[in-house]
Every structure is written in C-alpha cells, then in structure tokens.
Amino acid sequence: MFFLTGAVTVDLASAQVFWTGANSGTDINWSDGANWNTASSPGSSDLVIFDDTDTAAQGTVNSVVDAGFGGTISALQFTNTDGYHTVQIADGQTLNIASGDLTVGSTSVDFGSTVATVSAAFTGANGTLSLNNGSGGLLYIGLGTGNGS
C-alpha cells in the first residue's frame, strides 16, 4: 500500500506491475519475466512501479530496457525510499510511456528526524525516454524539491 503526497491520475484499467529484480543474478532486463511480480514483463496497459525492492547504490544500473522488451507501458512510478533505482535504456531502444505519467516520488516526508527521499535516474547513451500523455507528464511528489533533465 502506498500513500501518495499529492494527487496522481492513474488509469484504473492498468495493471500494477512491480519490479522485483528476482533474476538479477542472471540479468536485469525488463524483458525477463522473472524480474517482475507478475512473472512476465509489463505491457502497454501496465503501470510499472519501482519500490524499495532491489534498490542499489547511486549510479548503479539495476534494470535495463532491452531489445527484447516491447517498449511501451502505460505509466511509470518510482516510490523507493531506501536506495536508488537507475534504469538504463539500451542503445537504440525506446521506453514509451503511452498514456500515464512518469512519477518520481510518493514521499519526501519529514517524520521528525527521519526524512525519506525517492531517488531515480535514467541512463543510456543512445536510448530514448518518450512521454506521450498530452494531459500528463513528469510529476515530482513530495514536500522537498525535485529536478530533472
């Protein structure tokens, strides 16, 4: 269960697919169903969520949008508060977010002396990230500050 700070529009017809990284000893490819909670890679109507499962050190790639992946998802959320998620979009590949938002955060909430921060990044020399929702886009949700490029 996730508690979002802010309003998020989510297509209720979308299935939620969570990255587990369960096969990360072999590969970290999006096309490998063993890396997802559904045992199959996400499809064009799926909301993809990266939470605190299989996070890594800053700058460490821990998932790859590879040639075997279909390339299109409905929406993408990063809700991790422990560690980092760095998605590599492989050379010549496109990650297309077709109808929803790219959301970085569900929290940057101050719980007294503890602050939880969501950290996500994209990398890839010749990969493409495409946001195609005319009414949506990049959302940063939280009480702190966010930036992107």
Protein backbone atom coordinates (compact mmCIF):
# COMPACT_ATOMS: atom_id res chain seq x y z
CA MET A 1 0.00 0.00 0.00
CA PHE A 2 1.35 3.40 -0.95
CA PHE A 3 0.32 6.74 0.43
CA LEU A 4 0.96 9.48 -2.08
CA THR A 5 1.52 13.07 -1.10
CA GLY A 6 -0.38 14.84 -3.83
CA ALA A 7 -2.88 13.93 -6.50
CA VAL A 8 -2.00 11.42 -9.17
CA THR A 9 -4.15 10.39 -12.11
CA VAL A 10 -3.91 6.65 -12.72
CA ASP A 11 -5.73 4.71 -15.41
CA LEU A 12 -7.72 2.22 -13.34
CA ALA A 13 -7.68 -0.26 -16.23
CA SER A 14 -3.90 -0.51 -15.86
CA ALA A 15 -2.42 -3.46 -14.04
CA GLN A 16 0.22 -2.63 -11.46
CA VAL A 17 3.47 -4.44 -12.22
CA PHE A 18 6.26 -4.29 -9.62
CA TRP A 19 9.97 -4.75 -10.31
CA THR A 20 11.41 -7.46 -8.05
CA GLY A 21 14.82 -7.94 -9.65
CA ALA A 22 14.49 -11.59 -8.64
CA ASN A 23 16.62 -12.70 -11.58
CA SER A 24 19.29 -10.00 -11.13
CA GLY A 25 21.93 -12.69 -10.63
CA THR A 26 21.39 -13.62 -14.30
CA ASP A 27 20.17 -10.39 -15.88
CA ILE A 28 18.40 -7.13 -15.10
CA ASN A 29 16.43 -6.91 -18.33
CA TRP A 30 12.88 -5.62 -18.48
CA SER A 31 12.09 -8.43 -20.95
CA ASP A 32 12.84 -11.11 -18.32
CA GLY A 33 9.56 -12.00 -16.64
CA ALA A 34 11.45 -13.38 -13.63
CA ASN A 35 12.31 -9.78 -12.67
CA TRP A 36 8.62 -8.81 -12.26
CA ASN A 37 5.99 -9.76 -9.66
CA THR A 38 3.67 -10.98 -12.43
CA ALA A 39 6.29 -13.42 -13.84
CA SER A 40 6.05 -11.64 -17.20
CA SER A 41 7.39 -8.34 -18.46
CA PRO A 42 5.00 -5.38 -18.42
CA GLY A 43 2.84 -4.48 -21.39
CA SER A 44 1.39 -1.35 -22.91
CA SER A 45 -1.52 -1.11 -20.45
CA ASP A 46 0.58 -1.63 -17.31
CA LEU A 47 1.58 0.80 -14.57
CA VAL A 48 5.20 -0.08 -13.74
CA ILE A 49 6.30 0.54 -10.14
CA PHE A 50 9.79 0.51 -8.68
CA ASP A 51 9.60 0.42 -4.88
CA ASP A 52 12.16 -0.49 -2.20
CA THR A 53 12.71 -3.92 -3.76
CA ASP A 54 16.11 -4.41 -5.44
CA THR A 55 17.48 -0.92 -4.93
CA ALA A 56 21.19 -0.24 -5.47
CA ALA A 57 23.91 2.30 -4.78
CA GLN A 58 23.66 5.64 -6.58
CA GLY A 59 24.80 5.30 -10.21
CA THR A 60 24.48 1.51 -10.27
CA VAL A 61 22.21 0.34 -13.10
CA ASN A 62 19.68 -2.12 -11.70
CA SER A 63 17.27 -2.51 -14.62
CA VAL A 64 17.69 -2.38 -18.39
CA VAL A 65 15.09 -1.59 -21.05
CA ASP A 66 16.47 -4.11 -23.54
CA ALA A 67 15.74 -5.10 -27.16
CA GLY A 68 13.53 -8.00 -26.02
CA PHE A 69 11.14 -5.68 -24.15
CA GLY A 70 8.06 -4.42 -26.01
CA GLY A 71 8.98 -0.80 -25.29
CA THR A 72 5.60 0.63 -24.22
CA ILE A 73 3.98 0.91 -20.79
CA SER A 74 1.03 2.95 -19.57
CA ALA A 75 2.77 4.77 -16.68
CA LEU A 76 5.89 4.61 -14.51
CA GLN A 77 6.30 5.31 -10.79
CA PHE A 78 9.35 5.35 -8.56
CA THR A 79 8.31 5.06 -4.91
CA ASN A 80 11.52 3.74 -3.37
CA THR A 81 12.70 5.43 -0.19
CA ASP A 82 15.68 3.15 0.52
CA GLY A 83 18.44 3.26 -2.09
CA TYR A 84 18.36 4.18 -5.75
CA HIS A 85 16.87 2.94 -8.99
CA THR A 86 18.81 3.60 -12.16
CA VAL A 87 17.13 2.48 -15.38
CA GLN A 88 19.34 2.05 -18.42
CA ILE A 89 17.63 2.38 -21.79
CA ALA A 90 19.79 0.25 -24.08
CA ASP A 91 21.38 1.57 -27.25
CA GLY A 92 18.71 2.15 -29.89
CA GLN A 93 15.80 1.31 -27.55
CA THR A 94 12.84 3.48 -26.53
CA LEU A 95 10.86 3.39 -23.31
CA ASN A 96 7.49 4.82 -24.29
CA ILE A 97 5.14 5.96 -21.51
CA ALA A 98 1.97 5.98 -23.56
CA SER A 99 -0.94 7.28 -21.52
CA GLY A 100 0.07 7.98 -17.93
CA ASP A 101 2.68 9.90 -16.04
CA LEU A 102 6.30 9.39 -15.07
CA THR A 103 6.05 9.88 -11.30
CA VAL A 104 9.13 10.25 -9.15
CA GLY A 105 8.07 10.02 -5.56
CA SER A 106 5.36 9.13 -3.28
CA THR A 107 7.16 10.84 -0.50
CA SER A 108 9.82 13.16 0.70
CA VAL A 109 8.07 13.40 4.00
CA ASP A 110 9.66 14.59 7.21
CA PHE A 111 8.86 12.14 10.03
CA GLY A 112 10.50 14.15 12.79
CA SER A 113 14.22 13.49 12.48
CA THR A 114 13.85 10.99 9.61
CA VAL A 115 13.50 12.10 6.00
CA ALA A 116 12.60 9.63 3.26
CA THR A 117 13.74 10.59 -0.23
CA VAL A 118 12.89 8.97 -3.57
CA SER A 119 15.88 8.61 -5.89
CA ALA A 120 15.62 7.55 -9.53
CA ALA A 121 17.67 8.09 -12.67
CA PHE A 122 17.77 7.14 -16.35
CA THR A 123 20.91 6.45 -18.33
CA GLY A 124 21.85 5.21 -21.80
CA ALA A 125 23.96 6.82 -24.49
CA ASN A 126 21.55 6.23 -27.38
CA GLY A 127 18.32 5.27 -25.63
CA THR A 128 15.11 7.31 -25.69
CA LEU A 129 12.56 8.08 -22.97
CA SER A 130 9.27 9.17 -24.53
CA LEU A 131 6.33 10.69 -22.59
CA ASN A 132 3.23 10.69 -24.77
CA ASN A 133 0.37 11.66 -22.49
CA GLY A 134 -0.89 15.05 -23.64
CA SER A 135 -2.51 15.77 -20.27
CA GLY A 136 0.18 14.28 -18.06
CA GLY A 137 3.91 14.26 -17.89
CA LEU A 138 6.64 14.31 -15.29
CA LEU A 139 5.42 14.53 -11.71
CA TYR A 140 7.53 15.05 -8.62
CA ILE A 141 5.52 14.45 -5.49
CA GLY A 142 6.77 15.44 -2.10
CA LEU A 143 7.46 18.19 0.35
CA GLY A 144 11.05 18.76 -0.74
CA THR A 145 12.45 19.88 -4.06
CA GLY A 146 12.94 17.92 -7.25
CA ASN A 147 14.71 18.43 -10.51
CA GLY A 148 15.12 16.62 -13.77
CA SER A 149 16.72 16.98 -17.11
